[in-house]
C-alpha atoms as a PDB file:
ATOM      1  CA  MET A   1      10.646 -28.139   6.795  1.00  0.00           C
ATOM      2  CA  ASN A   2      12.254 -26.724   3.647  1.00  0.00           C
ATOM      3  CA  ARG A   3      12.641 -23.044   2.809  1.00  0.00           C
ATOM      4  CA  TYR A   4       9.297 -22.972   0.982  1.00  0.00           C
ATOM      5  CA  ASP A   5       7.308 -24.254   3.936  1.00  0.00           C
ATOM      6  CA  HIS A   6       5.772 -21.691   6.195  1.00  0.00           C
ATOM      7  CA  PRO A   7       4.807 -22.271   9.796  1.00  0.00           C
ATOM      8  CA  PRO A   8       1.065 -22.395  10.360  1.00  0.00           C
ATOM      9  CA  MET A   9      -0.446 -19.024  11.186  1.00  0.00           C
ATOM     10  CA  THR A  10      -1.494 -18.499  14.744  1.00  0.00           C
ATOM     11  CA  SER A  11      -4.991 -17.132  15.247  1.00  0.00           C
ATOM     12  CA  ASN A  12      -3.639 -13.630  16.072  1.00  0.00           C
ATOM     13  CA  ARG A  13      -1.436 -13.634  12.989  1.00  0.00           C
ATOM     14  CA  ALA A  14      -4.278 -14.885  10.776  1.00  0.00           C
ATOM     15  CA  THR A  15      -6.544 -12.200  12.171  1.00  0.00           C
ATOM     16  CA  ALA A  16      -3.967  -9.474  11.467  1.00  0.00           C
ATOM     17  CA  TYR A  17      -3.560 -10.793   7.918  1.00  0.00           C
ATOM     18  CA  GLU A  18      -7.322 -10.881   7.371  1.00  0.00           C
ATOM     19  CA  LYS A  19      -7.672  -7.351   8.731  1.00  0.00           C
ATOM     20  CA  GLY A  20      -4.909  -6.181   6.398  1.00  0.00           C
ATOM     21  CA  VAL A  21      -6.653  -7.729   3.400  1.00  0.00           C
ATOM     22  CA  ALA A  22      -9.973  -6.150   4.430  1.00  0.00           C
ATOM     23  CA  ALA A  23      -8.311  -2.738   4.913  1.00  0.00           C
ATOM     24  CA  GLU A  24      -6.706  -2.950   1.475  1.00  0.00           C
ATOM     25  CA  HIS A  25     -10.044  -3.904  -0.063  1.00  0.00           C
ATOM     26  CA  LEU A  26     -11.734  -0.913   1.586  1.00  0.00           C
ATOM     27  CA  ALA A  27      -8.939   1.407   0.401  1.00  0.00           C
ATOM     28  CA  THR A  28      -9.191   0.014  -3.142  1.00  0.00           C
ATOM     29  CA  GLU A  29     -12.937   0.618  -3.284  1.00  0.00           C
ATOM     30  CA  TYR A  30     -12.541   4.156  -1.954  1.00  0.00           C
ATOM     31  CA  LEU A  31      -9.773   5.064  -4.399  1.00  0.00           C
ATOM     32  CA  GLN A  32     -11.684   3.570  -7.337  1.00  0.00           C
ATOM     33  CA  THR A  33     -14.599   5.901  -6.546  1.00  0.00           C
ATOM     34  CA  MET A  34     -12.033   8.725  -6.750  1.00  0.00           C
ATOM     35  CA  GLY A  35     -11.021   7.681 -10.283  1.00  0.00           C
ATOM     36  CA  TYR A  36      -7.982   5.504  -9.528  1.00  0.00           C
ATOM     37  CA  VAL A  37      -7.465   2.303 -11.507  1.00  0.00           C
ATOM     38  CA  LEU A  38      -5.966  -0.718  -9.754  1.00  0.00           C
ATOM     39  CA  TRP A  39      -2.943  -2.147 -11.543  1.00  0.00           C
ATOM     40  CA  HIS A  40      -1.433  -4.491  -8.920  1.00  0.00           C
ATOM     41  CA  LYS A  41      -2.384  -5.520  -5.414  1.00  0.00           C
ATOM     42  CA  ARG A  42       0.041  -6.948  -2.829  1.00  0.00           C
ATOM     43  CA  TYR A  43       2.868  -6.768  -5.325  1.00  0.00           C
ATOM     44  CA  LYS A  44       5.961  -8.482  -3.950  1.00  0.00           C
ATOM     45  CA  THR A  45       9.498  -7.296  -4.705  1.00  0.00           C
ATOM     46  CA  ARG A  46      12.862  -8.277  -3.282  1.00  0.00           C
ATOM     47  CA  TYR A  47      12.567  -5.232  -0.977  1.00  0.00           C
ATOM     48  CA  GLY A  48       9.096  -5.939   0.318  1.00  0.00           C
ATOM     49  CA  GLU A  49       5.490  -5.679  -0.683  1.00  0.00           C
ATOM     50  CA  LEU A  50       3.679  -2.786  -2.334  1.00  0.00           C
ATOM     51  CA  ASP A  51       0.122  -2.865  -0.998  1.00  0.00           C
ATOM     52  CA  MET A  52      -1.313  -1.361  -4.174  1.00  0.00           C
ATOM     53  CA  VAL A  53      -0.077   0.047  -7.453  1.00  0.00           C
ATOM     54  CA  MET A  54      -2.715   2.283  -9.040  1.00  0.00           C
ATOM     55  CA  HIS A  55      -2.914   5.024 -11.605  1.00  0.00           C
ATOM     56  CA  ARG A  56      -5.132   7.990 -12.281  1.00  0.00           C
ATOM     57  CA  GLY A  57      -4.601   9.899 -15.475  1.00  0.00           C
ATOM     58  CA  ASN A  58      -0.853  10.265 -15.987  1.00  0.00           C
ATOM     59  CA  ALA A  59      -0.035   9.607 -12.314  1.00  0.00           C
ATOM     60  CA  LEU A  60       1.390   6.269 -11.182  1.00  0.00           C
ATOM     61  CA  VAL A  61       0.757   5.800  -7.466  1.00  0.00           C
ATOM     62  CA  PHE A  62       2.227   3.321  -4.983  1.00  0.00           C
ATOM     63  CA  ILE A  63      -0.161   3.096  -2.037  1.00  0.00           C
ATOM     64  CA  GLU A  64       0.615   1.915   1.479  1.00  0.00           C
ATOM     65  CA  VAL A  65      -2.431   1.003   3.581  1.00  0.00           C
ATOM     66  CA  LYS A  66      -2.509   1.182   7.369  1.00  0.00           C
ATOM     67  CA  ASN A  67      -5.432  -0.084   9.451  1.00  0.00           C
ATOM     68  CA  ARG A  68      -5.444   1.911  12.682  1.00  0.00           C
ATOM     69  CA  GLU A  69      -7.998   3.256  15.119  1.00  0.00           C
ATOM     70  CA  LYS A  70      -6.667   6.817  14.959  1.00  0.00           C
ATOM     71  CA  LEU A  71      -5.203   8.847  12.123  1.00  0.00           C
ATOM     72  CA  ASN A  72      -2.022   9.697  14.043  1.00  0.00           C
ATOM     73  CA  ASP A  73      -1.411   6.005  14.775  1.00  0.00           C
ATOM     74  CA  GLY A  74      -1.490   5.343  11.034  1.00  0.00           C
ATOM     75  CA  LEU A  75       0.912   8.186  10.326  1.00  0.00           C
ATOM     76  CA  TYR A  76       3.388   7.065  12.984  1.00  0.00           C
ATOM     77  CA  ALA A  77       3.167   3.453  11.792  1.00  0.00           C
ATOM     78  CA  LEU A  78       5.079   4.426   8.647  1.00  0.00           C
ATOM     79  CA  THR A  79       8.602   4.263  10.070  1.00  0.00           C
ATOM     80  CA  LEU A  80      11.763   5.531   8.366  1.00  0.00           C
ATOM     81  CA  ARG A  81      12.763   1.922   7.721  1.00  0.00           C
ATOM     82  CA  GLN A  82       9.434   1.230   6.041  1.00  0.00           C
ATOM     83  CA  GLN A  83       9.685   4.437   4.000  1.00  0.00           C
ATOM     84  CA  LYS A  84      13.061   3.294   2.683  1.00  0.00           C
ATOM     85  CA  ARG A  85      11.638  -0.143   1.883  1.00  0.00           C
ATOM     86  CA  LEU A  86       8.705   1.421   0.015  1.00  0.00           C
ATOM     87  CA  TRP A  87      11.045   3.641  -2.000  1.00  0.00           C
ATOM     88  CA  GLN A  88      13.242   0.654  -2.919  1.00  0.00           C
ATOM     89  CA  ALA A  89      10.232  -1.502  -3.833  1.00  0.00           C
ATOM     90  CA  GLY A  90       8.861   1.319  -5.994  1.00  0.00           C
ATOM     91  CA  GLU A  91      12.207   1.737  -7.761  1.00  0.00           C
ATOM     92  CA  TRP A  92      12.394  -2.013  -8.366  1.00  0.00           C
ATOM     93  CA  PHE A  93       8.862  -1.996  -9.802  1.00  0.00           C
ATOM     94  CA  LEU A  94       9.729   0.878 -12.145  1.00  0.00           C
ATOM     95  CA  GLN A  95      12.951  -0.763 -13.339  1.00  0.00           C
ATOM     96  CA  ASN A  96      11.238  -4.080 -14.029  1.00  0.00           C
ATOM     97  CA  HIS A  97       7.824  -3.064 -15.362  1.00  0.00           C
ATOM     98  CA  ILE A  98       7.743   0.458 -16.671  1.00  0.00           C
ATOM     99  CA  ARG A  99       9.335   1.097 -20.001  1.00  0.00           C
ATOM    100  CA  ASP A 100       7.689   3.756 -22.140  1.00  0.00           C
ATOM    101  CA  GLU A 101       4.673   4.699 -20.053  1.00  0.00           C
ATOM    102  CA  PRO A 102       3.868   8.420 -20.142  1.00  0.00           C
ATOM    103  CA  TRP A 103       3.752   8.952 -16.350  1.00  0.00           C
ATOM    104  CA  SER A 104       4.023  12.652 -15.622  1.00  0.00           C
ATOM    105  CA  THR A 105       3.908  11.930 -11.882  1.00  0.00           C
ATOM    106  CA  ILE A 106       5.085   8.990  -9.797  1.00  0.00           C
ATOM    107  CA  ARG A 107       4.285   9.183  -6.121  1.00  0.00           C
ATOM    108  CA  PHE A 108       3.752   7.282  -2.876  1.00  0.00           C
ATOM    109  CA  ASP A 109       0.462   7.729  -1.009  1.00  0.00           C
ATOM    110  CA  LEU A 110      -0.721   6.567   2.401  1.00  0.00           C
ATOM    111  CA  MET A 111      -4.249   5.378   3.147  1.00  0.00           C
ATOM    112  CA  VAL A 112      -5.235   5.179   6.803  1.00  0.00           C
ATOM    113  CA  VAL A 113      -8.407   3.189   7.367  1.00  0.00           C
ATOM    114  CA  SER A 114     -10.214   1.907  10.431  1.00  0.00           C
ATOM    115  CA  LEU A 115     -12.286  -1.230  10.084  1.00  0.00           C
ATOM    116  CA  SER A 116     -13.956  -0.638  13.455  1.00  0.00           C
ATOM    117  CA  ARG A 117     -14.866   3.066  13.168  1.00  0.00           C
ATOM    118  CA  SER A 118     -17.062   5.239  11.076  1.00  0.00           C
ATOM    119  CA  PRO A 119     -16.100   6.737   8.734  1.00  0.00           C
ATOM    120  CA  LYS A 120     -13.886   3.826   7.786  1.00  0.00           C
ATOM    121  CA  VAL A 121     -11.506   5.875   5.631  1.00  0.00           C
ATOM    122  CA  LEU A 122      -9.645   8.232   7.930  1.00  0.00           C
ATOM    123  CA  ALA A 123      -7.257   9.766   5.404  1.00  0.00           C
ATOM    124  CA  HIS A 124      -5.715   9.578   1.956  1.00  0.00           C
ATOM    125  CA  ILE A 125      -2.399  11.402   2.109  1.00  0.00           C
ATOM    126  CA  GLU A 126      -0.754  11.998  -1.233  1.00  0.00           C
ATOM    127  CA  ASN A 127       2.959  12.149  -1.926  1.00  0.00           C
ATOM    128  CA  ILE A 128       4.181  10.964   1.485  1.00  0.00           C
ATOM    129  CA  LEU A 129       7.759  10.368   0.305  1.00  0.00           C
ATOM    130  CA  GLY A 130       8.077  13.104  -2.266  1.00  0.00           C
ATOM    131  CA  GLN A 131       7.935  12.379  -5.971  1.00  0.00           C
ATOM    132  CA  ALA A 132      10.006   9.552  -7.412  1.00  0.00           C
END
């Protein structure tokens, strides 16, 4: 196996991946109804993945999506380590893709969704890390 080969996904891992994709799709649809425009999805950087990069008006928004049964579980799932990773990934994105865009606001948002509950969108929390 070389460094580009990946071990086959176990059924639990595949299910978690599929749930993550479904949660991101649900979050995308919700945010688009709120006027957000999707720019990138599952954007990979050397620091990790940005679930979504969207914009609305002059605001550029990095969005982390958590699929959890309860709102608090989604909030606690965003650890300090993950917050640092998100900040670094956002900085990398800005350094490598944004040149002369007129963004008046750059922020990190959290979407907590539940694929097994109703309503499916539990919360959209803006500016979870403070403005970039």
